Amino acid sequence: MISYEQDLYAWTLENTRLLREGRLSEIDVVNIIEELEYMARKDRKELVNRLAILLMHLLKWQFQPDKRTRSWELTIQVQRDEISELLEESPSLKHEINDKLQRAYRRATLETENETGLSVKAFPPTCPYTLEQALDDDFYPDSEVPA
């Protein structure tokens, strides 16, 4: 049996083969459980990260209108698409996304401060956008999408 610590890829292939063959007594149950838990945490973390990037660019869009770029617009679109795809692949994350909005917003304000020099205090203490607004392809705060 290939060790989990030795070669994760080969270990994954071997345990997949054993599962397909119904050789359940030979699988590495402990590490399979760890990997499944890791995958769930990874998806939640990716959701928060993508939401934070989206919120950061919405904040920049709103609070720095004179510096808007096509790059910001594209980043907003890409993050919306990626979040949508993640929620399609893991629909149960929809139940967690509202809870993660404020955490993502906090991270977004810190990143926006870091990138723009605007103080965190310049932003509302809670997310000024609803989840529906943030994910709406047509929503851009205080402005239309540039032509």
Foldseek 3Di string as FASTA:
>chain_A
DDDCVRDVVVLVVVLVVCVVVVVVVPHPVVVVVVVVVVVVVVLLVVLLQLLLQLLLLLCCCAVVVVPDDVVSLVSLVVSLVVNVVSCVVPVVCVVVNQVSNFVSPVSSLVVSCVVPVDHSVVDDNGRPDDPCLSNDNQHRPPDGDDD
